[in-house]
Amino acid sequence: MTNWFEHPVALGSFRAWIRVVREAESIDRALWPRVGAIALRTLATGPVRALERARFGRALDAAPLHPEPLFVLGHWRTGTTHLLNLLAKDPQFGFVSTYQAMVPGFCLSTERWVKPTLARSLARNHPTREIDNMPLDLDAPQEEAFALANLTHRASLHVFALPRQGIQLFERYGLLDGLGEDERRAWIETYLRLLRTASHRAGGRRLVLKDPSNTGRIRTLLELFPRARFVHIVRDPHRVLPSTLGIYRVVLAKAQLQRVSAAEVEELVLTIYERLMRKYLDEHRAIPPGQLT
């Protein structure tokens, strides 16, 4: 890694990263330097995260959430990002920004001094997203999956770190299947804290949110927000799956702690697609009339 921010969780929680490493059934010997590099970088953010908790902790605990967030549903590469960007143009909405997603543990207290430095570094080294060549803007909307992965080991995005365990990780932290009550409660608390941070940044406005894993979490989202609205976008699977494989090729090169073959990646992508869409088909009927587009 030539830049300190290249790994998806390089600016996240040290404790969360160590838990990801501890959950690994194995780590390839050649990739242990990546483990150490991310551990050092996340550890270095500890003081500023502690400062954020001290400064904003009580405000976030008391921050109200609009009762009707809008969730964009759909598998990766179906157009969810484009739809999110369009919806976020409506001034009624707040959202998780790219900056919050990269540094969710200290985004509120560092807007003025860390964000400009990070923006200049990105403009120099990564002006566009590598997965699709779209402009990379720290103020643009971003899916909350990245923020969640920077906050906790209970995040579906860690499939990219541990791809040999990818199906099990996605079932637990993507679909929230098989979680004990305490672990499920811990996931919900972290998720709501993430949303309260976004709401605080947005002045309490209604949030528009996008995480493809939410396509398989409808019952949990309705439990948290009974009046939530949903919009589901679909695309031809014969286009979605090859495009998704392209994402894996890019992100695995940066994130993986376990090497996998092309055939194993294809099996992982196909299995996640099937299980996500089956979960959606099972749960979308729970959405009250008029709340799903």
C-alpha atoms as a PDB file:
ATOM      1  CA  MET A   1       0.000   0.000   0.000  1.00  0.00           C
ATOM      2  CA  THR A   2       1.605   3.224  -1.149  1.00  0.00           C
ATOM      3  CA  ASN A   3      -0.912   5.506   0.594  1.00  0.00           C
ATOM      4  CA  TRP A   4      -2.020   5.365   4.211  1.00  0.00           C
ATOM      5  CA  PHE A   5      -5.742   5.438   3.325  1.00  0.00           C
ATOM      6  CA  GLU A   6      -5.810   2.775   0.600  1.00  0.00           C
ATOM      7  CA  HIS A   7      -7.184  -0.054   2.738  1.00  0.00           C
ATOM      8  CA  PRO A   8     -10.970   0.265   3.303  1.00  0.00           C
ATOM      9  CA  VAL A   9     -10.569   0.348   7.098  1.00  0.00           C
ATOM     10  CA  ALA A  10      -7.191   2.099   7.368  1.00  0.00           C
ATOM     11  CA  LEU A  11      -8.722   4.960   9.370  1.00  0.00           C
ATOM     12  CA  GLY A  12     -11.108   2.857  11.404  1.00  0.00           C
ATOM     13  CA  SER A  13     -11.193   1.331  14.865  1.00  0.00           C
ATOM     14  CA  PHE A  14      -8.132  -0.562  16.100  1.00  0.00           C
ATOM     15  CA  ARG A  15     -10.334  -2.755  18.275  1.00  0.00           C
ATOM     16  CA  ALA A  16     -12.585  -3.621  15.333  1.00  0.00           C
ATOM     17  CA  TRP A  17      -9.586  -4.501  13.145  1.00  0.00           C
ATOM     18  CA  ILE A  18      -8.119  -6.786  15.815  1.00  0.00           C
ATOM     19  CA  ARG A  19     -11.483  -8.537  16.105  1.00  0.00           C
ATOM     20  CA  VAL A  20     -11.525  -9.082  12.323  1.00  0.00           C
ATOM     21  CA  VAL A  21      -8.063 -10.627  12.545  1.00  0.00           C
ATOM     22  CA  ARG A  22      -9.104 -12.809  15.473  1.00  0.00           C
ATOM     23  CA  GLU A  23     -12.107 -14.087  13.515  1.00  0.00           C
ATOM     24  CA  ALA A  24      -9.846 -15.286  10.698  1.00  0.00           C
ATOM     25  CA  GLU A  25      -9.603 -19.049  10.478  1.00  0.00           C
ATOM     26  CA  SER A  26      -6.258 -18.480   8.765  1.00  0.00           C
ATOM     27  CA  ILE A  27      -4.211 -15.614   7.318  1.00  0.00           C
ATOM     28  CA  ASP A  28      -1.790 -16.134   4.462  1.00  0.00           C
ATOM     29  CA  ARG A  29       1.791 -15.648   5.603  1.00  0.00           C
ATOM     30  CA  ALA A  30       2.583 -13.199   2.801  1.00  0.00           C
ATOM     31  CA  LEU A  31      -0.297 -10.954   3.929  1.00  0.00           C
ATOM     32  CA  TRP A  32       0.669 -10.575   7.597  1.00  0.00           C
ATOM     33  CA  PRO A  33       2.484  -7.269   6.841  1.00  0.00           C
ATOM     34  CA  ARG A  34      -0.925  -5.903   5.786  1.00  0.00           C
ATOM     35  CA  VAL A  35      -2.342  -6.942   9.168  1.00  0.00           C
ATOM     36  CA  GLY A  36       0.430  -5.057  10.950  1.00  0.00           C
ATOM     37  CA  ALA A  37       0.222  -1.971   8.749  1.00  0.00           C
ATOM     38  CA  ILE A  38      -3.523  -1.569   9.307  1.00  0.00           C
ATOM     39  CA  ALA A  39      -3.160  -2.258  13.033  1.00  0.00           C
ATOM     40  CA  LEU A  40      -0.624   0.561  13.351  1.00  0.00           C
ATOM     41  CA  ARG A  41      -2.700   2.985  11.295  1.00  0.00           C
ATOM     42  CA  THR A  42      -5.916   2.302  13.163  1.00  0.00           C
ATOM     43  CA  LEU A  43      -4.073   2.501  16.480  1.00  0.00           C
ATOM     44  CA  ALA A  44      -2.758   5.934  15.511  1.00  0.00           C
ATOM     45  CA  THR A  45      -6.314   7.246  15.182  1.00  0.00           C
ATOM     46  CA  GLY A  46      -7.158   6.254  18.760  1.00  0.00           C
ATOM     47  CA  PRO A  47      -6.528   9.641  20.413  1.00  0.00           C
ATOM     48  CA  VAL A  48      -8.653  11.590  17.949  1.00  0.00           C
ATOM     49  CA  ARG A  49     -11.467   9.049  18.241  1.00  0.00           C
ATOM     50  CA  ALA A  50     -11.326   9.443  22.033  1.00  0.00           C
ATOM     51  CA  LEU A  51     -11.500  13.220  21.578  1.00  0.00           C
ATOM     52  CA  GLU A  52     -14.590  12.845  19.397  1.00  0.00           C
ATOM     53  CA  ARG A  53     -16.314  10.663  21.977  1.00  0.00           C
ATOM     54  CA  ALA A  54     -15.571  13.193  24.707  1.00  0.00           C
ATOM     55  CA  ARG A  55     -16.758  16.133  22.619  1.00  0.00           C
ATOM     56  CA  PHE A  56     -19.813  14.685  20.880  1.00  0.00           C
ATOM     57  CA  GLY A  57     -20.736  11.543  22.825  1.00  0.00           C
ATOM     58  CA  ARG A  58     -23.666  12.998  24.765  1.00  0.00           C
ATOM     59  CA  ALA A  59     -24.984  14.936  21.786  1.00  0.00           C
ATOM     60  CA  LEU A  60     -25.023  11.785  19.669  1.00  0.00           C
ATOM     61  CA  ASP A  61     -26.677   9.758  22.426  1.00  0.00           C
ATOM     62  CA  ALA A  62     -29.505  12.287  22.436  1.00  0.00           C
ATOM     63  CA  ALA A  63     -29.607  12.958  18.692  1.00  0.00           C
ATOM     64  CA  PRO A  64     -33.079  12.242  17.283  1.00  0.00           C
ATOM     65  CA  LEU A  65     -33.511  10.235  14.106  1.00  0.00           C
ATOM     66  CA  HIS A  66     -36.182  11.101  11.556  1.00  0.00           C
ATOM     67  CA  PRO A  67     -38.769   8.284  11.733  1.00  0.00           C
ATOM     68  CA  GLU A  68     -39.010   7.866   7.924  1.00  0.00           C
ATOM     69  CA  PRO A  69     -35.552   7.245   6.474  1.00  0.00           C
ATOM     70  CA  LEU A  70     -35.434   6.220   2.828  1.00  0.00           C
ATOM     71  CA  PHE A  71     -33.496   3.020   2.145  1.00  0.00           C
ATOM     72  CA  VAL A  72     -32.165   2.325  -1.347  1.00  0.00           C
ATOM     73  CA  LEU A  73     -32.224  -1.448  -1.855  1.00  0.00           C
ATOM     74  CA  GLY A  74     -30.551  -3.499  -4.545  1.00  0.00           C
ATOM     75  CA  HIS A  75     -27.570  -5.755  -5.169  1.00  0.00           C
ATOM     76  CA  TRP A  76     -24.191  -4.211  -5.855  1.00  0.00           C
ATOM     77  CA  ARG A  77     -23.794  -2.871  -9.415  1.00  0.00           C
ATOM     78  CA  THR A  78     -27.523  -2.479 -10.036  1.00  0.00           C
ATOM     79  CA  GLY A  79     -27.365   1.321 -10.013  1.00  0.00           C
ATOM     80  CA  THR A  80     -27.777   1.917  -6.276  1.00  0.00           C
ATOM     81  CA  THR A  81     -24.960   4.498  -6.142  1.00  0.00           C
ATOM     82  CA  HIS A  82     -26.361   6.512  -9.044  1.00  0.00           C
ATOM     83  CA  LEU A  83     -29.845   6.408  -7.520  1.00  0.00           C
ATOM     84  CA  LEU A  84     -28.465   7.480  -4.126  1.00  0.00           C
ATOM     85  CA  ASN A  85     -26.628  10.409  -5.728  1.00  0.00           C
ATOM     86  CA  LEU A  86     -29.812  11.544  -7.489  1.00  0.00           C
ATOM     87  CA  LEU A  87     -32.001  11.261  -4.380  1.00  0.00           C
ATOM     88  CA  ALA A  88     -29.419  13.076  -2.248  1.00  0.00           C
ATOM     89  CA  LYS A  89     -29.815  16.148  -4.484  1.00  0.00           C
ATOM     90  CA  ASP A  90     -33.186  16.687  -2.786  1.00  0.00           C
ATOM     91  CA  PRO A  91     -32.508  19.156   0.068  1.00  0.00           C
ATOM     92  CA  GLN A  92     -34.919  17.350   2.392  1.00  0.00           C
ATOM     93  CA  PHE A  93     -32.354  14.535   2.761  1.00  0.00           C
ATOM     94  CA  GLY A  94     -29.185  14.072   4.750  1.00  0.00           C
ATOM     95  CA  PHE A  95     -26.853  11.158   4.094  1.00  0.00           C
ATOM     96  CA  VAL A  96     -23.680   9.367   5.130  1.00  0.00           C
ATOM     97  CA  SER A  97     -20.902  11.270   3.372  1.00  0.00           C
ATOM     98  CA  THR A  98     -17.790   9.702   1.909  1.00  0.00           C
ATOM     99  CA  TYR A  99     -15.749  11.465   4.586  1.00  0.00           C
ATOM    100  CA  GLN A 100     -17.925  10.033   7.364  1.00  0.00           C
ATOM    101  CA  ALA A 101     -17.651   6.568   5.787  1.00  0.00           C
ATOM    102  CA  MET A 102     -13.846   6.781   5.773  1.00  0.00           C
ATOM    103  CA  VAL A 103     -13.480   8.188   9.311  1.00  0.00           C
ATOM    104  CA  PRO A 104     -16.765   7.508  11.132  1.00  0.00           C
ATOM    105  CA  GLY A 105     -15.085   7.534  14.521  1.00  0.00           C
ATOM    106  CA  PHE A 106     -13.875  11.128  14.242  1.00  0.00           C
ATOM    107  CA  CYS A 107     -15.636  12.789  11.311  1.00  0.00           C
ATOM    108  CA  LEU A 108     -17.384  15.475  13.374  1.00  0.00           C
ATOM    109  CA  SER A 109     -14.336  16.954  15.080  1.00  0.00           C
ATOM    110  CA  THR A 110     -11.969  16.841  12.080  1.00  0.00           C
ATOM    111  CA  GLU A 111     -13.998  18.354   9.227  1.00  0.00           C
ATOM    112  CA  ARG A 112     -11.872  21.501   9.172  1.00  0.00           C
ATOM    113  CA  TRP A 113      -8.376  20.106   9.580  1.00  0.00           C
ATOM    114  CA  VAL A 114      -8.246  16.436   8.493  1.00  0.00           C
ATOM    115  CA  LYS A 115     -10.738  16.505   5.625  1.00  0.00           C
ATOM    116  CA  PRO A 116      -8.873  19.121   3.530  1.00  0.00           C
ATOM    117  CA  THR A 117      -5.616  17.162   3.882  1.00  0.00           C
ATOM    118  CA  LEU A 118      -7.343  13.926   2.956  1.00  0.00           C
ATOM    119  CA  ALA A 119      -9.091  15.592   0.011  1.00  0.00           C
ATOM    120  CA  ARG A 120      -5.780  16.884  -1.373  1.00  0.00           C
ATOM    121  CA  SER A 121      -4.190  13.466  -1.023  1.00  0.00           C
ATOM    122  CA  LEU A 122      -7.130  11.804  -2.777  1.00  0.00           C
ATOM    123  CA  ALA A 123      -7.086  14.376  -5.586  1.00  0.00           C
ATOM    124  CA  ARG A 124      -3.405  13.624  -6.115  1.00  0.00           C
ATOM    125  CA  ASN A 125      -3.522   9.852  -5.886  1.00  0.00           C
ATOM    126  CA  HIS A 126      -7.132   8.684  -6.301  1.00  0.00           C
ATOM    127  CA  PRO A 127      -9.310  11.285  -8.052  1.00  0.00           C
ATOM    128  CA  THR A 128     -11.756   8.566  -9.131  1.00  0.00           C
ATOM    129  CA  ARG A 129     -13.129   5.369  -7.640  1.00  0.00           C
ATOM    130  CA  GLU A 130     -11.104   2.443  -8.917  1.00  0.00           C
ATOM    131  CA  ILE A 131     -14.133   0.172  -9.193  1.00  0.00           C
ATOM    132  CA  ASP A 132     -15.960   2.348 -11.733  1.00  0.00           C
ATOM    133  CA  ASN A 133     -13.877   5.449 -12.497  1.00  0.00           C
ATOM    134  CA  MET A 134     -16.480   7.762 -10.938  1.00  0.00           C
ATOM    135  CA  PRO A 135     -15.223  10.988  -9.267  1.00  0.00           C
ATOM    136  CA  LEU A 136     -14.278  10.594  -5.613  1.00  0.00           C
ATOM    137  CA  ASP A 137     -15.677  13.464  -3.535  1.00  0.00           C
ATOM    138  CA  LEU A 138     -15.491  13.439   0.272  1.00  0.00           C
ATOM    139  CA  ASP A 139     -18.750  15.413   0.505  1.00  0.00           C
ATOM    140  CA  ALA A 140     -20.677  13.049  -1.790  1.00  0.00           C
ATOM    141  CA  PRO A 141     -23.093  10.406  -0.457  1.00  0.00           C
ATOM    142  CA  GLN A 142     -21.587   7.037   0.381  1.00  0.00           C
ATOM    143  CA  GLU A 143     -22.973   3.688   1.420  1.00  0.00           C
ATOM    144  CA  GLU A 144     -22.935   3.195   5.160  1.00  0.00           C
ATOM    145  CA  ALA A 145     -21.334  -0.255   4.782  1.00  0.00           C
ATOM    146  CA  PHE A 146     -17.913   1.416   4.646  1.00  0.00           C
ATOM    147  CA  ALA A 147     -18.580   3.369   7.829  1.00  0.00           C
ATOM    148  CA  LEU A 148     -19.854   0.244   9.571  1.00  0.00           C
ATOM    149  CA  ALA A 149     -16.721  -1.697   8.623  1.00  0.00           C
ATOM    150  CA  ASN A 150     -14.588   1.091  10.100  1.00  0.00           C
ATOM    151  CA  LEU A 151     -16.525   0.949  13.368  1.00  0.00           C
ATOM    152  CA  THR A 152     -17.005  -2.760  14.032  1.00  0.00           C
ATOM    153  CA  HIS A 153     -15.987  -6.279  13.056  1.00  0.00           C
ATOM    154  CA  ARG A 154     -19.720  -6.972  12.633  1.00  0.00           C
ATOM    155  CA  ALA A 155     -19.808  -5.706   9.043  1.00  0.00           C
ATOM    156  CA  SER A 156     -20.456  -7.467   5.746  1.00  0.00           C
ATOM    157  CA  LEU A 157     -17.633  -5.535   4.076  1.00  0.00           C
ATOM    158  CA  HIS A 158     -15.116  -7.706   5.950  1.00  0.00           C
ATOM    159  CA  VAL A 159     -15.925 -10.385   3.399  1.00  0.00           C
ATOM    160  CA  PHE A 160     -13.136  -8.729   1.393  1.00  0.00           C
ATOM    161  CA  ALA A 161     -10.646  -9.254   4.218  1.00  0.00           C
ATOM    162  CA  LEU A 162     -11.613 -12.876   4.827  1.00  0.00           C
ATOM    163  CA  PRO A 163     -12.993 -14.140   1.505  1.00  0.00           C
ATOM    164  CA  ARG A 164     -12.533 -17.823   2.358  1.00  0.00           C
ATOM    165  CA  GLN A 165     -15.054 -17.228   5.155  1.00  0.00           C
ATOM    166  CA  GLY A 166     -17.080 -14.852   3.024  1.00  0.00           C
ATOM    167  CA  ILE A 167     -20.368 -16.743   2.905  1.00  0.00           C
ATOM    168  CA  GLN A 168     -20.511 -17.235   6.667  1.00  0.00           C
ATOM    169  CA  LEU A 169     -19.541 -13.606   7.314  1.00  0.00           C
ATOM    170  CA  PHE A 170     -22.156 -12.325   4.889  1.00  0.00           C
ATOM    171  CA  GLU A 171     -24.880 -14.456   6.435  1.00  0.00           C
ATOM    172  CA  ARG A 172     -24.025 -13.194   9.934  1.00  0.00           C
ATOM    173  CA  TYR A 173     -23.256  -9.538   9.323  1.00  0.00           C
ATOM    174  CA  GLY A 174     -24.886  -8.919   5.953  1.00  0.00           C
ATOM    175  CA  LEU A 175     -28.171 -10.764   6.450  1.00  0.00           C
ATOM    176  CA  LEU A 176     -27.988 -10.803  10.287  1.00  0.00           C
ATOM    177  CA  ASP A 177     -28.797 -14.515  10.298  1.00  0.00           C
ATOM    178  CA  GLY A 178     -27.528 -16.687  13.132  1.00  0.00           C
ATOM    179  CA  LEU A 179     -26.637 -13.856  15.504  1.00  0.00           C
ATOM    180  CA  GLY A 180     -27.208 -14.288  19.211  1.00  0.00           C
ATOM    181  CA  GLU A 181     -29.384 -11.681  20.915  1.00  0.00           C
ATOM    182  CA  ASP A 182     -26.430  -9.853  22.483  1.00  0.00           C
ATOM    183  CA  GLU A 183     -24.529  -9.692  19.209  1.00  0.00           C
ATOM    184  CA  ARG A 184     -27.602  -8.561  17.294  1.00  0.00           C
ATOM    185  CA  ARG A 185     -28.185  -5.826  19.865  1.00  0.00           C
ATOM    186  CA  ALA A 186     -24.554  -4.728  19.549  1.00  0.00           C
ATOM    187  CA  TRP A 187     -24.894  -4.517  15.749  1.00  0.00           C
ATOM    188  CA  ILE A 188     -28.039  -2.409  16.068  1.00  0.00           C
ATOM    189  CA  GLU A 189     -26.408  -0.051  18.585  1.00  0.00           C
ATOM    190  CA  THR A 190     -23.435   0.530  16.272  1.00  0.00           C
ATOM    191  CA  TYR A 191     -25.683   1.042  13.264  1.00  0.00           C
ATOM    192  CA  LEU A 192     -27.898   3.550  15.046  1.00  0.00           C
ATOM    193  CA  ARG A 193     -24.836   5.419  16.307  1.00  0.00           C
ATOM    194  CA  LEU A 194     -23.639   5.670  12.708  1.00  0.00           C
ATOM    195  CA  LEU A 195     -27.022   7.049  11.617  1.00  0.00           C
ATOM    196  CA  ARG A 196     -27.142   9.514  14.511  1.00  0.00           C
ATOM    197  CA  THR A 197     -23.759  10.848  13.438  1.00  0.00           C
ATOM    198  CA  ALA A 198     -25.063  11.320   9.894  1.00  0.00           C
ATOM    199  CA  SER A 199     -28.230  12.955  11.222  1.00  0.00           C
ATOM    200  CA  HIS A 200     -26.207  15.303  13.429  1.00  0.00           C
ATOM    201  CA  ARG A 201     -24.097  16.337  10.430  1.00  0.00           C
ATOM    202  CA  ALA A 202     -27.292  16.890   8.427  1.00  0.00           C
ATOM    203  CA  GLY A 203     -29.025  18.999  11.047  1.00  0.00           C
ATOM    204  CA  GLY A 204     -31.599  16.314  11.810  1.00  0.00           C
ATOM    205  CA  ARG A 205     -32.871  15.997   8.260  1.00  0.00           C
ATOM    206  CA  ARG A 206     -34.428  12.785   7.005  1.00  0.00           C
ATOM    207  CA  LEU A 207     -31.727  10.361   5.858  1.00  0.00           C
ATOM    208  CA  VAL A 208     -31.429   8.612   2.505  1.00  0.00           C
ATOM    209  CA  LEU A 209     -29.311   5.493   2.997  1.00  0.00           C
ATOM    210  CA  LYS A 210     -27.736   2.894   0.773  1.00  0.00           C
ATOM    211  CA  ASP A 211     -26.084  -0.390   1.693  1.00  0.00           C
ATOM    212  CA  PRO A 212     -26.772  -3.334  -0.631  1.00  0.00           C
ATOM    213  CA  SER A 213     -26.788  -5.638   2.410  1.00  0.00           C
ATOM    214  CA  ASN A 214     -29.897  -3.788   3.620  1.00  0.00           C
ATOM    215  CA  THR A 215     -31.743  -5.593   0.810  1.00  0.00           C
ATOM    216  CA  GLY A 216     -31.630  -8.631   3.125  1.00  0.00           C
ATOM    217  CA  ARG A 217     -32.288  -6.778   6.412  1.00  0.00           C
ATOM    218  CA  ILE A 218     -35.810  -5.479   5.825  1.00  0.00           C
ATOM    219  CA  ARG A 219     -37.385  -6.925   8.983  1.00  0.00           C
ATOM    220  CA  THR A 220     -34.628  -5.473  11.160  1.00  0.00           C
ATOM    221  CA  LEU A 221     -34.909  -2.073   9.470  1.00  0.00           C
ATOM    222  CA  LEU A 222     -38.685  -2.067   9.977  1.00  0.00           C
ATOM    223  CA  GLU A 223     -38.178  -3.000  13.614  1.00  0.00           C
ATOM    224  CA  LEU A 224     -36.013   0.121  13.993  1.00  0.00           C
ATOM    225  CA  PHE A 225     -38.056   2.374  11.691  1.00  0.00           C
ATOM    226  CA  PRO A 226     -41.656   1.121  11.207  1.00  0.00           C
ATOM    227  CA  ARG A 227     -42.416   4.109   8.939  1.00  0.00           C
ATOM    228  CA  ALA A 228     -39.293   3.708   6.783  1.00  0.00           C
ATOM    229  CA  ARG A 229     -39.603   3.994   3.017  1.00  0.00           C
ATOM    230  CA  PHE A 230     -37.827   1.720   0.556  1.00  0.00           C
ATOM    231  CA  VAL A 231     -36.933   1.914  -3.121  1.00  0.00           C
ATOM    232  CA  HIS A 232     -35.620  -1.237  -4.783  1.00  0.00           C
ATOM    233  CA  ILE A 233     -33.634  -1.001  -7.996  1.00  0.00           C
ATOM    234  CA  VAL A 234     -32.949  -4.046 -10.203  1.00  0.00           C
ATOM    235  CA  ARG A 235     -30.763  -4.782 -13.213  1.00  0.00           C
ATOM    236  CA  ASP A 236     -30.195  -7.753 -15.505  1.00  0.00           C
ATOM    237  CA  PRO A 237     -28.199 -10.328 -13.468  1.00  0.00           C
ATOM    238  CA  HIS A 238     -26.127 -11.171 -16.551  1.00  0.00           C
ATOM    239  CA  ARG A 239     -24.719  -7.640 -16.301  1.00  0.00           C
ATOM    240  CA  VAL A 240     -24.698  -7.399 -12.506  1.00  0.00           C
ATOM    241  CA  LEU A 241     -22.623 -10.487 -11.775  1.00  0.00           C
ATOM    242  CA  PRO A 242     -19.652  -9.786 -14.130  1.00  0.00           C
ATOM    243  CA  SER A 243     -19.600  -6.209 -12.850  1.00  0.00           C
ATOM    244  CA  THR A 244     -19.599  -7.459  -9.256  1.00  0.00           C
ATOM    245  CA  LEU A 245     -16.681  -9.746 -10.034  1.00  0.00           C
ATOM    246  CA  GLY A 246     -14.812  -6.658 -11.199  1.00  0.00           C
ATOM    247  CA  ILE A 247     -15.338  -5.052  -7.789  1.00  0.00           C
ATOM    248  CA  TYR A 248     -13.919  -8.106  -6.070  1.00  0.00           C
ATOM    249  CA  ARG A 249     -10.810  -8.088  -8.234  1.00  0.00           C
ATOM    250  CA  VAL A 250     -10.093  -4.466  -7.270  1.00  0.00           C
ATOM    251  CA  VAL A 251     -10.991  -4.576  -3.577  1.00  0.00           C
ATOM    252  CA  LEU A 252      -9.477  -7.965  -2.773  1.00  0.00           C
ATOM    253  CA  ALA A 253      -6.114  -6.748  -4.019  1.00  0.00           C
ATOM    254  CA  LYS A 254      -6.214  -4.067  -1.301  1.00  0.00           C
ATOM    255  CA  ALA A 255      -8.100  -5.779   1.509  1.00  0.00           C
ATOM    256  CA  GLN A 256      -7.669  -9.549   1.517  1.00  0.00           C
ATOM    257  CA  LEU A 257      -5.879 -11.446   4.257  1.00  0.00           C
ATOM    258  CA  GLN A 258      -6.664 -14.750   2.546  1.00  0.00           C
ATOM    259  CA  ARG A 259      -5.833 -15.463  -1.082  1.00  0.00           C
ATOM    260  CA  VAL A 260      -8.586 -17.086  -3.147  1.00  0.00           C
ATOM    261  CA  SER A 261      -8.797 -18.420  -6.679  1.00  0.00           C
ATOM    262  CA  ALA A 262     -10.917 -16.887  -9.430  1.00  0.00           C
ATOM    263  CA  ALA A 263     -13.276 -19.864  -9.164  1.00  0.00           C
ATOM    264  CA  GLU A 264     -13.676 -19.316  -5.410  1.00  0.00           C
ATOM    265  CA  VAL A 265     -14.453 -15.626  -5.948  1.00  0.00           C
ATOM    266  CA  GLU A 266     -17.062 -16.497  -8.571  1.00  0.00           C
ATOM    267  CA  GLU A 267     -18.705 -18.984  -6.225  1.00  0.00           C
ATOM    268  CA  LEU A 268     -18.725 -16.389  -3.439  1.00  0.00           C
ATOM    269  CA  VAL A 269     -20.331 -13.732  -5.658  1.00  0.00           C
ATOM    270  CA  LEU A 270     -22.978 -16.123  -6.989  1.00  0.00           C
ATOM    271  CA  THR A 271     -23.853 -17.447  -3.534  1.00  0.00           C
ATOM    272  CA  ILE A 272     -24.139 -13.984  -1.984  1.00  0.00           C
ATOM    273  CA  TYR A 273     -26.335 -12.854  -4.893  1.00  0.00           C
ATOM    274  CA  GLU A 274     -28.702 -15.782  -4.475  1.00  0.00           C
ATOM    275  CA  ARG A 275     -28.959 -15.516  -0.685  1.00  0.00           C
ATOM    276  CA  LEU A 276     -29.420 -11.757  -0.716  1.00  0.00           C
ATOM    277  CA  MET A 277     -32.206 -11.873  -3.289  1.00  0.00           C
ATOM    278  CA  ARG A 278     -33.943 -14.824  -1.634  1.00  0.00           C
ATOM    279  CA  LYS A 279     -33.917 -12.926   1.668  1.00  0.00           C
ATOM    280  CA  TYR A 280     -35.421  -9.898  -0.071  1.00  0.00           C
ATOM    281  CA  LEU A 281     -38.157 -12.022  -1.633  1.00  0.00           C
ATOM    282  CA  ASP A 282     -38.881 -13.557   1.776  1.00  0.00           C
ATOM    283  CA  GLU A 283     -39.031 -10.268   3.672  1.00  0.00           C
ATOM    284  CA  HIS A 284     -40.249  -7.530   1.354  1.00  0.00           C
ATOM    285  CA  ARG A 285     -43.880  -8.530   1.950  1.00  0.00           C
ATOM    286  CA  ALA A 286     -43.457  -7.238   5.523  1.00  0.00           C
ATOM    287  CA  ILE A 287     -43.176  -3.678   4.194  1.00  0.00           C
ATOM    288  CA  PRO A 288     -46.504  -1.905   4.799  1.00  0.00           C
ATOM    289  CA  PRO A 289     -48.479  -0.796   1.737  1.00  0.00           C
ATOM    290  CA  GLY A 290     -47.253   2.450   0.221  1.00  0.00           C
ATOM    291  CA  GLN A 291     -43.758   2.242   1.713  1.00  0.00           C
ATOM    292  CA  LEU A 292     -42.007   0.334  -1.115  1.00  0.00           C
ATOM    293  CA  THR A 293     -41.273   1.563  -4.597  1.00  0.00           C
END
